[in-house]
């Protein structure tokens, strides 16, 4: 069934550990990418900035309105965007360290 306010209501259906396992990686990857974006100038590309902003907007929509993380399509899209974000951040970070 659909739940309102994904972050808060997931606690009731999955418990604290289930919510952290289900939604935690999305938040951790976004915070890691934002930290690396602030830390390394080479990571501050338009692609990385737009992916961080899109992930933040989707997670904010999930927190404020709900019914976002319940659908498998939205979770897959978010997972692929965050996976590509990690690849881009690591690639740009290595290029900056080499130069």
N, C-alpha and C. Protein backbone atom coordinates (compact mmCIF):
# COMPACT_ATOMS: atom_id res chain seq x y z
N UNK A 1 0.83 -1.18 0.00
CA UNK A 1 0.00 0.00 0.00
C UNK A 1 0.87 1.24 0.00
N UNK A 2 0.34 2.32 -0.48
CA UNK A 2 1.09 3.57 -0.55
C UNK A 2 1.23 4.21 0.81
N UNK A 3 2.37 4.78 1.05
CA UNK A 3 2.64 5.45 2.31
C UNK A 3 2.89 6.92 2.06
N UNK A 4 2.43 7.75 2.95
CA UNK A 4 2.72 9.18 2.87
C UNK A 4 4.02 9.46 3.62
N UNK A 5 4.72 10.49 3.19
CA UNK A 5 5.98 10.92 3.80
C UNK A 5 6.93 9.75 3.94
N UNK A 6 7.58 9.44 2.84
CA UNK A 6 8.38 8.21 2.73
C UNK A 6 9.34 8.00 3.88
N UNK A 7 10.09 9.01 4.27
CA UNK A 7 11.10 8.80 5.31
C UNK A 7 10.46 8.51 6.66
N UNK A 8 9.41 9.22 7.00
CA UNK A 8 8.78 9.03 8.30
C UNK A 8 7.91 7.78 8.34
N UNK A 9 7.18 7.51 7.27
CA UNK A 9 6.26 6.36 7.28
C UNK A 9 6.95 5.04 7.04
N UNK A 10 8.13 5.05 6.46
CA UNK A 10 8.85 3.79 6.26
C UNK A 10 9.22 3.16 7.60
N UNK A 11 9.34 3.95 8.62
CA UNK A 11 9.65 3.42 9.96
C UNK A 11 8.54 2.49 10.42
N UNK A 12 7.29 2.86 10.13
CA UNK A 12 6.16 2.04 10.59
C UNK A 12 6.05 0.73 9.82
N UNK A 13 6.39 0.74 8.53
CA UNK A 13 6.25 -0.49 7.76
C UNK A 13 7.50 -1.36 7.78
N UNK A 14 8.69 -0.74 7.87
CA UNK A 14 9.93 -1.50 7.81
C UNK A 14 10.71 -1.53 9.12
N UNK A 15 10.40 -0.64 10.04
CA UNK A 15 11.18 -0.51 11.26
C UNK A 15 12.38 0.40 11.01
N UNK A 16 13.09 0.72 12.07
CA UNK A 16 14.24 1.63 11.94
C UNK A 16 15.35 1.04 11.08
N UNK A 17 15.68 -0.20 11.31
CA UNK A 17 16.78 -0.82 10.55
C UNK A 17 16.38 -0.99 9.09
N UNK A 18 15.15 -1.39 8.84
CA UNK A 18 14.69 -1.53 7.46
C UNK A 18 14.67 -0.21 6.72
N UNK A 19 14.26 0.85 7.41
CA UNK A 19 14.25 2.17 6.78
C UNK A 19 15.67 2.62 6.47
N UNK A 20 16.59 2.39 7.39
CA UNK A 20 17.98 2.78 7.14
C UNK A 20 18.59 1.98 6.00
N UNK A 21 18.25 0.69 5.91
CA UNK A 21 18.76 -0.13 4.81
C UNK A 21 18.12 0.23 3.47
N UNK A 22 16.85 0.64 3.50
CA UNK A 22 16.12 0.94 2.28
C UNK A 22 16.41 2.34 1.76
N UNK A 23 16.41 3.32 2.61
CA UNK A 23 16.56 4.72 2.18
C UNK A 23 17.94 5.27 2.52
N UNK A 24 18.62 4.69 3.48
CA UNK A 24 19.92 5.19 3.91
C UNK A 24 20.97 5.33 2.82
N UNK A 25 21.14 4.31 1.95
CA UNK A 25 22.17 4.45 0.91
C UNK A 25 21.94 5.63 -0.03
N UNK A 26 20.69 5.94 -0.32
CA UNK A 26 20.41 7.08 -1.19
C UNK A 26 20.90 8.38 -0.56
N UNK A 27 20.65 8.54 0.72
CA UNK A 27 21.06 9.76 1.41
C UNK A 27 22.58 9.79 1.59
N UNK A 28 23.18 8.66 1.93
CA UNK A 28 24.63 8.61 2.14
C UNK A 28 25.38 8.92 0.85
N UNK A 29 24.94 8.37 -0.27
CA UNK A 29 25.60 8.64 -1.55
C UNK A 29 25.47 10.10 -1.93
N UNK A 30 24.29 10.68 -1.72
CA UNK A 30 24.11 12.10 -2.03
C UNK A 30 25.01 12.97 -1.16
N UNK A 31 25.10 12.67 0.13
CA UNK A 31 25.95 13.46 1.03
C UNK A 31 27.42 13.29 0.69
N UNK A 32 27.84 12.07 0.33
CA UNK A 32 29.22 11.84 -0.08
C UNK A 32 29.56 12.64 -1.33
N UNK A 33 28.67 12.60 -2.32
CA UNK A 33 28.93 13.34 -3.56
C UNK A 33 28.95 14.84 -3.31
N UNK A 34 28.06 15.33 -2.46
CA UNK A 34 28.06 16.76 -2.15
C UNK A 34 29.33 17.16 -1.40
N UNK A 35 29.80 16.30 -0.51
CA UNK A 35 31.04 16.58 0.22
C UNK A 35 32.23 16.62 -0.74
N UNK A 36 32.30 15.66 -1.64
CA UNK A 36 33.40 15.64 -2.61
C UNK A 36 33.29 16.82 -3.57
N UNK A 37 32.08 17.24 -3.89
CA UNK A 37 31.87 18.40 -4.75
C UNK A 37 32.42 19.66 -4.08
N UNK A 38 32.20 19.76 -2.78
CA UNK A 38 32.73 20.91 -2.04
C UNK A 38 34.24 20.82 -1.84
N UNK A 39 34.76 19.63 -1.72
CA UNK A 39 36.17 19.42 -1.39
C UNK A 39 37.10 19.57 -2.58
N UNK A 40 36.72 19.02 -3.74
CA UNK A 40 37.58 19.03 -4.92
C UNK A 40 36.97 19.89 -6.01
N UNK A 41 37.78 20.78 -6.55
CA UNK A 41 37.30 21.67 -7.60
C UNK A 41 37.05 20.91 -8.91
N UNK A 42 37.80 19.86 -9.15
CA UNK A 42 37.64 19.08 -10.37
C UNK A 42 36.32 18.33 -10.45
N UNK A 43 35.68 18.12 -9.32
CA UNK A 43 34.40 17.41 -9.29
C UNK A 43 33.25 18.35 -9.62
N UNK A 44 33.48 19.64 -9.59
CA UNK A 44 32.42 20.62 -9.81
C UNK A 44 32.13 20.82 -11.29
N UNK A 45 31.65 19.77 -11.92
CA UNK A 45 31.24 19.87 -13.31
C UNK A 45 29.74 20.07 -13.37
N UNK A 46 29.26 20.45 -14.56
CA UNK A 46 27.82 20.65 -14.73
C UNK A 46 27.06 19.33 -14.54
N UNK A 47 27.62 18.24 -15.05
CA UNK A 47 26.98 16.93 -14.92
C UNK A 47 26.84 16.53 -13.46
N UNK A 48 27.91 16.65 -12.69
CA UNK A 48 27.86 16.28 -11.28
C UNK A 48 26.92 17.20 -10.51
N UNK A 49 26.99 18.48 -10.79
CA UNK A 49 26.12 19.43 -10.09
C UNK A 49 24.65 19.16 -10.38
N UNK A 50 24.32 18.87 -11.63
CA UNK A 50 22.93 18.59 -11.97
C UNK A 50 22.45 17.26 -11.39
N UNK A 51 23.33 16.26 -11.33
CA UNK A 51 22.93 14.99 -10.72
C UNK A 51 22.73 15.12 -9.22
N UNK A 52 23.60 15.87 -8.55
CA UNK A 52 23.42 16.08 -7.11
C UNK A 52 22.12 16.84 -6.85
N UNK A 53 21.85 17.85 -7.66
CA UNK A 53 20.61 18.62 -7.49
C UNK A 53 19.38 17.77 -7.77
N UNK A 54 19.44 16.91 -8.77
CA UNK A 54 18.27 16.07 -9.08
C UNK A 54 18.03 15.03 -7.99
N UNK A 55 19.10 14.45 -7.46
CA UNK A 55 18.94 13.49 -6.37
C UNK A 55 18.38 14.19 -5.12
N UNK A 56 18.88 15.38 -4.83
CA UNK A 56 18.38 16.13 -3.68
C UNK A 56 16.90 16.49 -3.85
N UNK A 57 16.51 16.88 -5.07
CA UNK A 57 15.10 17.20 -5.31
C UNK A 57 14.20 15.98 -5.16
N UNK A 58 14.66 14.83 -5.64
CA UNK A 58 13.85 13.62 -5.52
C UNK A 58 13.73 13.18 -4.07
N UNK A 59 14.83 13.26 -3.33
CA UNK A 59 14.76 12.87 -1.91
C UNK A 59 13.92 13.86 -1.12
N UNK A 60 13.98 15.14 -1.48
CA UNK A 60 13.13 16.13 -0.80
C UNK A 60 11.66 15.89 -1.13
N UNK A 61 11.36 15.53 -2.38
CA UNK A 61 9.98 15.20 -2.75
C UNK A 61 9.50 13.96 -2.01
N UNK A 62 10.37 12.99 -1.84
CA UNK A 62 10.00 11.77 -1.10
C UNK A 62 9.75 12.10 0.36
N UNK A 63 10.55 13.01 0.91
CA UNK A 63 10.36 13.37 2.32
C UNK A 63 9.11 14.20 2.53
N UNK A 64 8.86 15.14 1.65
CA UNK A 64 7.75 16.06 1.89
C UNK A 64 6.41 15.52 1.43
N UNK A 65 6.36 14.79 0.33
CA UNK A 65 5.05 14.38 -0.18
C UNK A 65 4.78 12.89 -0.04
N UNK A 66 5.78 12.08 -0.15
CA UNK A 66 5.59 10.64 -0.04
C UNK A 66 5.22 10.01 -1.36
N UNK A 67 5.03 8.70 -1.34
CA UNK A 67 4.67 7.90 -2.50
C UNK A 67 5.69 7.97 -3.62
N UNK A 68 6.90 8.36 -3.34
CA UNK A 68 7.94 8.42 -4.36
C UNK A 68 8.77 7.14 -4.31
N UNK A 69 9.22 6.73 -3.15
CA UNK A 69 10.08 5.57 -3.02
C UNK A 69 9.29 4.26 -3.06
N UNK A 70 7.97 4.32 -3.05
CA UNK A 70 7.17 3.09 -3.08
C UNK A 70 7.13 2.47 -4.46
N UNK A 71 7.36 3.27 -5.48
CA UNK A 71 7.28 2.77 -6.85
C UNK A 71 8.66 2.31 -7.31
N UNK A 72 8.71 1.13 -7.88
CA UNK A 72 9.98 0.53 -8.27
C UNK A 72 10.67 1.32 -9.37
N UNK A 73 9.91 1.92 -10.26
CA UNK A 73 10.51 2.70 -11.34
C UNK A 73 11.29 3.89 -10.80
N UNK A 74 10.72 4.60 -9.86
CA UNK A 74 11.42 5.76 -9.27
C UNK A 74 12.67 5.32 -8.52
N UNK A 75 12.59 4.20 -7.83
CA UNK A 75 13.76 3.70 -7.11
C UNK A 75 14.87 3.27 -8.07
N UNK A 76 14.49 2.64 -9.18
CA UNK A 76 15.50 2.25 -10.18
C UNK A 76 16.16 3.47 -10.80
N UNK A 77 15.37 4.46 -11.17
CA UNK A 77 15.94 5.67 -11.77
C UNK A 77 16.88 6.35 -10.80
N UNK A 78 16.47 6.48 -9.54
CA UNK A 78 17.33 7.10 -8.53
C UNK A 78 18.60 6.28 -8.33
N UNK A 79 18.50 4.97 -8.32
CA UNK A 79 19.68 4.12 -8.12
C UNK A 79 20.66 4.26 -9.29
N UNK A 80 20.16 4.29 -10.51
CA UNK A 80 21.05 4.44 -11.66
C UNK A 80 21.69 5.82 -11.70
N UNK A 81 20.94 6.87 -11.36
CA UNK A 81 21.51 8.21 -11.33
C UNK A 81 22.58 8.31 -10.25
N UNK A 82 22.32 7.74 -9.09
CA UNK A 82 23.32 7.79 -8.03
C UNK A 82 24.54 6.92 -8.34
N UNK A 83 24.34 5.80 -9.02
CA UNK A 83 25.48 4.99 -9.43
C UNK A 83 26.36 5.73 -10.43
N UNK A 84 25.74 6.39 -11.40
CA UNK A 84 26.51 7.18 -12.35
C UNK A 84 27.17 8.37 -11.66
N UNK A 85 26.49 8.94 -10.68
CA UNK A 85 27.08 10.05 -9.91
C UNK A 85 28.35 9.60 -9.19
N UNK A 86 28.32 8.42 -8.59
CA UNK A 86 29.51 7.90 -7.92
C UNK A 86 30.65 7.67 -8.91
N UNK A 87 30.33 7.13 -10.08
CA UNK A 87 31.36 6.90 -11.10
C UNK A 87 31.97 8.23 -11.54
N UNK A 88 31.14 9.23 -11.80
CA UNK A 88 31.64 10.53 -12.25
C UNK A 88 32.48 11.22 -11.18
N UNK A 89 32.04 11.15 -9.94
CA UNK A 89 32.79 11.79 -8.85
C UNK A 89 34.15 11.13 -8.69
N UNK A 90 34.18 9.81 -8.71
CA UNK A 90 35.48 9.12 -8.55
C UNK A 90 36.39 9.37 -9.74
N UNK A 91 35.82 9.42 -10.95
CA UNK A 91 36.62 9.68 -12.14
C UNK A 91 37.19 11.10 -12.11
N UNK A 92 36.37 12.08 -11.79
CA UNK A 92 36.85 13.46 -11.73
C UNK A 92 37.81 13.69 -10.58
N UNK A 93 37.63 12.97 -9.50
CA UNK A 93 38.54 13.08 -8.35
C UNK A 93 39.91 12.52 -8.71
N UNK A 94 39.96 11.40 -9.44
CA UNK A 94 41.24 10.82 -9.86
C UNK A 94 41.96 11.73 -10.84
N UNK A 95 41.21 12.35 -11.75
CA UNK A 95 41.83 13.27 -12.70
C UNK A 95 42.43 14.45 -11.98
N UNK A 96 41.75 14.95 -10.98
CA UNK A 96 42.27 16.10 -10.21
C UNK A 96 43.51 15.70 -9.42
N UNK A 97 43.53 14.47 -8.86
CA UNK A 97 44.69 14.05 -8.08
C UNK A 97 45.91 13.82 -8.98
N UNK A 98 45.69 13.36 -10.22
CA UNK A 98 46.80 13.13 -11.13
C UNK A 98 47.41 14.45 -11.57
N UNK A 99 46.57 15.44 -11.85
CA UNK A 99 47.08 16.74 -12.28
C UNK A 99 47.63 17.46 -11.10
